[in-house]
Amino acid sequence: MAVGITITERAAEKIKELTAAEKREGQGMRLKVVGGGCSGLQYKIDFDMPKSGDRVFEKDGAKVLVDMKSLLYLNGTELDYKEELMASGFVFQNPNVKRSCGCGTSFTV
């Protein structure tokens, strides 16, 4: 089993673009798994400074911050960014997901 989070080139570029646009120097993109949605869990994305106990994953200067509780659900996940005509955003390829809801925003492990 893979350990940690893998960040694709596209995701790294988008994270760097967003941190620069928002003047968030030194911050990273925080990934969290929180309760909610139809299936029980959902992803939450925010920008933040690293905190004690965080795991920091980095690619080409883009930082992804994950607290230890969320890492239990995210371990082995690949973070990508898709830009398509109807929808654009970060995409999680999470091997821990057993089932996701019809709307695609929440999941069960």
N, C-alpha and C. Protein backbone atom coordinates (compact mmCIF):
# COMPACT_ATOMS: atom_id res chain seq x y z
N MET A 1 0.85 -1.19 0.00
CA MET A 1 0.00 0.00 0.00
C MET A 1 0.89 1.24 0.00
N ALA A 2 0.52 2.20 -0.82
CA ALA A 2 1.28 3.44 -0.89
C ALA A 2 1.13 4.22 0.41
N VAL A 3 2.17 4.92 0.76
CA VAL A 3 2.12 5.72 1.98
C VAL A 3 2.06 7.18 1.59
N GLY A 4 1.04 7.86 2.08
CA GLY A 4 0.94 9.30 1.84
C GLY A 4 0.03 9.67 0.68
N ILE A 5 0.28 10.85 0.14
CA ILE A 5 -0.50 11.44 -0.94
C ILE A 5 0.42 11.66 -2.13
N THR A 6 -0.05 11.29 -3.31
CA THR A 6 0.68 11.57 -4.55
C THR A 6 0.04 12.77 -5.20
N ILE A 7 0.84 13.73 -5.64
CA ILE A 7 0.34 14.95 -6.28
C ILE A 7 0.77 14.93 -7.74
N THR A 8 -0.19 15.04 -8.65
CA THR A 8 0.16 15.06 -10.08
C THR A 8 0.72 16.43 -10.46
N GLU A 9 1.33 16.49 -11.64
CA GLU A 9 1.87 17.77 -12.15
C GLU A 9 0.78 18.83 -12.25
N ARG A 10 -0.39 18.44 -12.79
CA ARG A 10 -1.50 19.39 -12.95
C ARG A 10 -1.97 19.93 -11.60
N ALA A 11 -2.07 19.03 -10.61
CA ALA A 11 -2.51 19.47 -9.28
C ALA A 11 -1.48 20.41 -8.67
N ALA A 12 -0.20 20.09 -8.81
CA ALA A 12 0.86 20.94 -8.26
C ALA A 12 0.82 22.33 -8.88
N GLU A 13 0.64 22.39 -10.20
CA GLU A 13 0.56 23.69 -10.88
C GLU A 13 -0.63 24.51 -10.38
N LYS A 14 -1.78 23.86 -10.21
CA LYS A 14 -2.98 24.58 -9.76
C LYS A 14 -2.83 25.05 -8.32
N ILE A 15 -2.23 24.23 -7.45
CA ILE A 15 -2.00 24.64 -6.06
C ILE A 15 -1.10 25.86 -6.02
N LYS A 16 -0.01 25.84 -6.81
CA LYS A 16 0.91 26.99 -6.84
C LYS A 16 0.21 28.23 -7.39
N GLU A 17 -0.61 28.05 -8.41
CA GLU A 17 -1.36 29.17 -9.00
C GLU A 17 -2.31 29.78 -7.97
N LEU A 18 -3.03 28.94 -7.24
CA LEU A 18 -3.98 29.44 -6.24
C LEU A 18 -3.28 30.12 -5.07
N THR A 19 -2.18 29.56 -4.60
CA THR A 19 -1.49 30.18 -3.47
C THR A 19 -0.88 31.52 -3.88
N ALA A 20 -0.39 31.61 -5.11
CA ALA A 20 0.18 32.88 -5.59
C ALA A 20 -0.93 33.93 -5.78
N ALA A 21 -2.05 33.53 -6.37
CA ALA A 21 -3.15 34.46 -6.63
C ALA A 21 -3.74 35.02 -5.34
N GLU A 22 -3.77 34.21 -4.31
CA GLU A 22 -4.35 34.62 -3.03
C GLU A 22 -3.30 35.20 -2.08
N LYS A 23 -2.07 35.33 -2.57
CA LYS A 23 -0.96 35.85 -1.75
C LYS A 23 -0.84 35.08 -0.43
N ARG A 24 -0.78 33.77 -0.56
CA ARG A 24 -0.72 32.88 0.60
C ARG A 24 0.67 32.27 0.73
N GLU A 25 1.68 33.13 0.76
CA GLU A 25 3.07 32.69 0.84
C GLU A 25 3.30 31.82 2.08
N GLY A 26 3.96 30.67 1.87
CA GLY A 26 4.27 29.77 2.98
C GLY A 26 3.14 28.81 3.32
N GLN A 27 1.96 29.05 2.75
CA GLN A 27 0.83 28.17 3.04
C GLN A 27 0.79 27.01 2.06
N GLY A 28 0.01 26.02 2.42
CA GLY A 28 -0.23 24.88 1.54
C GLY A 28 -1.71 24.62 1.47
N MET A 29 -2.08 23.71 0.60
CA MET A 29 -3.47 23.32 0.48
C MET A 29 -3.74 22.20 1.48
N ARG A 30 -4.67 22.46 2.39
CA ARG A 30 -5.01 21.47 3.42
C ARG A 30 -6.13 20.57 2.90
N LEU A 31 -5.89 19.26 2.96
CA LEU A 31 -6.90 18.27 2.63
C LEU A 31 -7.41 17.67 3.92
N LYS A 32 -8.71 17.61 4.05
CA LYS A 32 -9.32 17.04 5.25
C LYS A 32 -10.45 16.13 4.84
N VAL A 33 -10.71 15.15 5.66
CA VAL A 33 -11.90 14.32 5.52
C VAL A 33 -12.78 14.65 6.72
N VAL A 34 -14.01 15.07 6.43
CA VAL A 34 -14.94 15.46 7.49
C VAL A 34 -16.25 14.68 7.32
N GLY A 35 -17.01 14.58 8.39
CA GLY A 35 -18.31 13.93 8.32
C GLY A 35 -19.28 14.78 7.53
N GLY A 36 -20.14 14.12 6.75
CA GLY A 36 -21.15 14.85 6.00
C GLY A 36 -21.47 14.17 4.68
N GLY A 37 -22.43 14.72 3.98
CA GLY A 37 -22.84 14.18 2.70
C GLY A 37 -23.72 12.95 2.86
N CYS A 38 -24.21 12.43 1.76
CA CYS A 38 -25.13 11.27 1.81
C CYS A 38 -24.44 9.98 2.22
N SER A 39 -23.15 9.84 1.97
CA SER A 39 -22.45 8.60 2.29
C SER A 39 -21.69 8.63 3.60
N GLY A 40 -21.64 9.78 4.26
CA GLY A 40 -21.03 9.85 5.58
C GLY A 40 -19.74 10.64 5.70
N LEU A 41 -18.92 10.67 4.64
CA LEU A 41 -17.65 11.41 4.66
C LEU A 41 -17.53 12.26 3.41
N GLN A 42 -16.83 13.38 3.53
CA GLN A 42 -16.56 14.21 2.35
C GLN A 42 -15.22 14.91 2.49
N TYR A 43 -14.68 15.34 1.36
CA TYR A 43 -13.40 16.04 1.34
C TYR A 43 -13.62 17.52 1.61
N LYS A 44 -12.67 18.13 2.29
CA LYS A 44 -12.69 19.57 2.51
C LYS A 44 -11.31 20.10 2.12
N ILE A 45 -11.29 21.17 1.35
CA ILE A 45 -10.04 21.79 0.89
C ILE A 45 -10.00 23.22 1.39
N ASP A 46 -8.84 23.62 1.91
CA ASP A 46 -8.66 24.98 2.40
C ASP A 46 -7.18 25.31 2.26
N PHE A 47 -6.82 26.54 2.48
CA PHE A 47 -5.40 26.92 2.51
C PHE A 47 -5.03 27.28 3.93
N ASP A 48 -3.84 26.86 4.35
CA ASP A 48 -3.46 26.98 5.75
C ASP A 48 -1.95 26.88 5.87
N MET A 49 -1.46 27.28 7.04
CA MET A 49 -0.05 27.08 7.39
C MET A 49 0.09 25.68 7.99
N PRO A 50 1.23 25.03 7.81
CA PRO A 50 1.44 23.73 8.45
C PRO A 50 1.32 23.84 9.97
N LYS A 51 0.70 22.83 10.58
CA LYS A 51 0.53 22.78 12.03
C LYS A 51 1.30 21.58 12.58
N SER A 52 1.56 21.62 13.86
CA SER A 52 2.24 20.52 14.52
C SER A 52 1.43 19.24 14.32
N GLY A 53 2.09 18.18 13.94
CA GLY A 53 1.42 16.91 13.71
C GLY A 53 0.95 16.69 12.29
N ASP A 54 1.02 17.71 11.43
CA ASP A 54 0.63 17.54 10.03
C ASP A 54 1.68 16.73 9.28
N ARG A 55 1.23 16.02 8.28
CA ARG A 55 2.14 15.46 7.29
C ARG A 55 2.10 16.43 6.12
N VAL A 56 3.26 16.79 5.60
CA VAL A 56 3.35 17.72 4.48
C VAL A 56 3.88 16.95 3.28
N PHE A 57 3.11 16.96 2.19
CA PHE A 57 3.51 16.32 0.94
C PHE A 57 3.78 17.44 -0.05
N GLU A 58 4.88 17.33 -0.79
CA GLU A 58 5.30 18.42 -1.65
C GLU A 58 5.67 17.91 -3.03
N LYS A 59 5.32 18.70 -4.05
CA LYS A 59 5.73 18.43 -5.43
C LYS A 59 5.97 19.76 -6.11
N ASP A 60 7.18 19.93 -6.62
CA ASP A 60 7.55 21.15 -7.37
C ASP A 60 7.19 22.44 -6.63
N GLY A 61 7.31 22.45 -5.31
CA GLY A 61 7.03 23.64 -4.52
C GLY A 61 5.60 23.77 -4.06
N ALA A 62 4.71 22.88 -4.51
CA ALA A 62 3.31 22.89 -4.07
C ALA A 62 3.20 22.00 -2.84
N LYS A 63 2.61 22.53 -1.78
CA LYS A 63 2.47 21.77 -0.53
C LYS A 63 1.03 21.34 -0.30
N VAL A 64 0.89 20.09 0.15
CA VAL A 64 -0.40 19.56 0.57
C VAL A 64 -0.25 19.17 2.03
N LEU A 65 -1.13 19.70 2.88
CA LEU A 65 -1.09 19.46 4.32
C LEU A 65 -2.22 18.52 4.71
N VAL A 66 -1.88 17.52 5.52
CA VAL A 66 -2.89 16.55 5.95
C VAL A 66 -2.68 16.26 7.43
N ASP A 67 -3.76 16.38 8.23
CA ASP A 67 -3.67 16.01 9.64
C ASP A 67 -3.68 14.48 9.73
N MET A 68 -3.21 13.95 10.84
CA MET A 68 -3.05 12.50 10.98
C MET A 68 -4.39 11.75 10.92
N LYS A 69 -5.46 12.32 11.43
CA LYS A 69 -6.76 11.66 11.37
C LYS A 69 -7.23 11.52 9.92
N SER A 70 -7.09 12.61 9.14
CA SER A 70 -7.51 12.56 7.74
C SER A 70 -6.62 11.62 6.93
N LEU A 71 -5.35 11.52 7.31
CA LEU A 71 -4.43 10.65 6.58
C LEU A 71 -4.88 9.19 6.64
N LEU A 72 -5.57 8.80 7.71
CA LEU A 72 -6.11 7.44 7.79
C LEU A 72 -7.04 7.15 6.61
N TYR A 73 -7.80 8.15 6.16
CA TYR A 73 -8.73 8.00 5.05
C TYR A 73 -8.09 8.31 3.70
N LEU A 74 -7.03 9.09 3.70
CA LEU A 74 -6.43 9.58 2.45
C LEU A 74 -5.16 8.83 2.03
N ASN A 75 -4.65 7.96 2.87
CA ASN A 75 -3.40 7.28 2.58
C ASN A 75 -3.48 6.53 1.25
N GLY A 76 -2.54 6.78 0.36
CA GLY A 76 -2.52 6.15 -0.96
C GLY A 76 -3.26 6.93 -2.03
N THR A 77 -3.85 8.07 -1.68
CA THR A 77 -4.64 8.86 -2.63
C THR A 77 -3.75 9.62 -3.61
N GLU A 78 -4.20 9.68 -4.86
CA GLU A 78 -3.57 10.53 -5.86
C GLU A 78 -4.45 11.77 -6.02
N LEU A 79 -3.85 12.95 -5.87
CA LEU A 79 -4.56 14.22 -6.06
C LEU A 79 -4.25 14.74 -7.45
N ASP A 80 -5.28 14.95 -8.24
CA ASP A 80 -5.13 15.45 -9.60
C ASP A 80 -5.99 16.70 -9.76
N TYR A 81 -5.82 17.39 -10.87
CA TYR A 81 -6.67 18.53 -11.19
C TYR A 81 -7.15 18.36 -12.62
N LYS A 82 -8.45 18.43 -12.82
CA LYS A 82 -9.05 18.29 -14.16
C LYS A 82 -9.71 19.60 -14.54
N GLU A 83 -9.50 19.98 -15.77
CA GLU A 83 -10.16 21.17 -16.31
C GLU A 83 -10.95 20.73 -17.53
N GLU A 84 -12.27 20.69 -17.37
CA GLU A 84 -13.15 20.23 -18.43
C GLU A 84 -14.22 21.26 -18.69
N LEU A 85 -14.92 21.10 -19.79
CA LEU A 85 -15.92 22.07 -20.22
C LEU A 85 -17.04 22.27 -19.18
N MET A 86 -17.57 21.18 -18.63
CA MET A 86 -18.70 21.28 -17.71
C MET A 86 -18.28 21.43 -16.25
N ALA A 87 -17.08 20.98 -15.91
CA ALA A 87 -16.65 21.06 -14.51
C ALA A 87 -15.14 20.99 -14.41
N SER A 88 -14.60 21.76 -13.51
CA SER A 88 -13.16 21.74 -13.25
C SER A 88 -12.96 21.65 -11.75
N GLY A 89 -11.88 21.00 -11.35
CA GLY A 89 -11.59 20.93 -9.93
C GLY A 89 -10.62 19.83 -9.59
N PHE A 90 -10.31 19.73 -8.31
CA PHE A 90 -9.41 18.70 -7.83
C PHE A 90 -10.15 17.37 -7.82
N VAL A 91 -9.43 16.32 -8.19
CA VAL A 91 -9.99 14.98 -8.27
C VAL A 91 -9.17 14.07 -7.38
N PHE A 92 -9.86 13.27 -6.58
CA PHE A 92 -9.21 12.34 -5.65
C PHE A 92 -9.35 10.92 -6.16
N GLN A 93 -8.24 10.26 -6.41
CA GLN A 93 -8.24 8.83 -6.72
C GLN A 93 -7.86 8.14 -5.42
N ASN A 94 -8.86 7.82 -4.61
CA ASN A 94 -8.65 7.32 -3.26
C ASN A 94 -8.93 5.81 -3.22
N PRO A 95 -7.88 5.00 -3.00
CA PRO A 95 -8.07 3.54 -2.98
C PRO A 95 -8.84 3.04 -1.76
N ASN A 96 -9.06 3.89 -0.78
CA ASN A 96 -9.76 3.50 0.44
C ASN A 96 -11.28 3.58 0.32
N VAL A 97 -11.78 4.25 -0.71
CA VAL A 97 -13.22 4.45 -0.88
C VAL A 97 -13.87 3.14 -1.29
N LYS A 98 -14.86 2.74 -0.53
CA LYS A 98 -15.62 1.52 -0.83
C LYS A 98 -16.88 1.84 -1.64
N ARG A 99 -17.46 3.01 -1.38
CA ARG A 99 -18.69 3.40 -2.05
C ARG A 99 -18.80 4.92 -2.03
N SER A 100 -19.31 5.49 -3.12
CA SER A 100 -19.56 6.93 -3.12
C SER A 100 -21.02 7.16 -3.50
N CYS A 101 -21.51 8.36 -3.18
CA CYS A 101 -22.92 8.67 -3.42
C CYS A 101 -23.14 9.01 -4.89
N GLY A 102 -24.38 9.14 -5.27
CA GLY A 102 -24.74 9.45 -6.65
C GLY A 102 -24.24 10.80 -7.12
N CYS A 103 -24.17 11.76 -6.20
CA CYS A 103 -23.71 13.10 -6.61
C CYS A 103 -22.20 13.17 -6.68
N GLY A 104 -21.50 12.16 -6.12
CA GLY A 104 -20.05 12.08 -6.23
C GLY A 104 -19.28 12.95 -5.26
N THR A 105 -19.94 13.56 -4.29
CA THR A 105 -19.21 14.44 -3.36
C THR A 105 -18.96 13.83 -2.00
N SER A 106 -19.56 12.67 -1.72
CA SER A 106 -19.30 12.04 -0.43
C SER A 106 -19.01 10.56 -0.65
N PHE A 107 -18.45 9.92 0.37
CA PHE A 107 -18.00 8.54 0.20
C PHE A 107 -18.01 7.79 1.54
N THR A 108 -17.80 6.48 1.45
CA THR A 108 -17.69 5.58 2.59
C THR A 108 -16.40 4.79 2.45
N VAL A 109 -15.72 4.55 3.57
CA VAL A 109 -14.52 3.71 3.54
C VAL A 109 -14.78 2.40 4.25
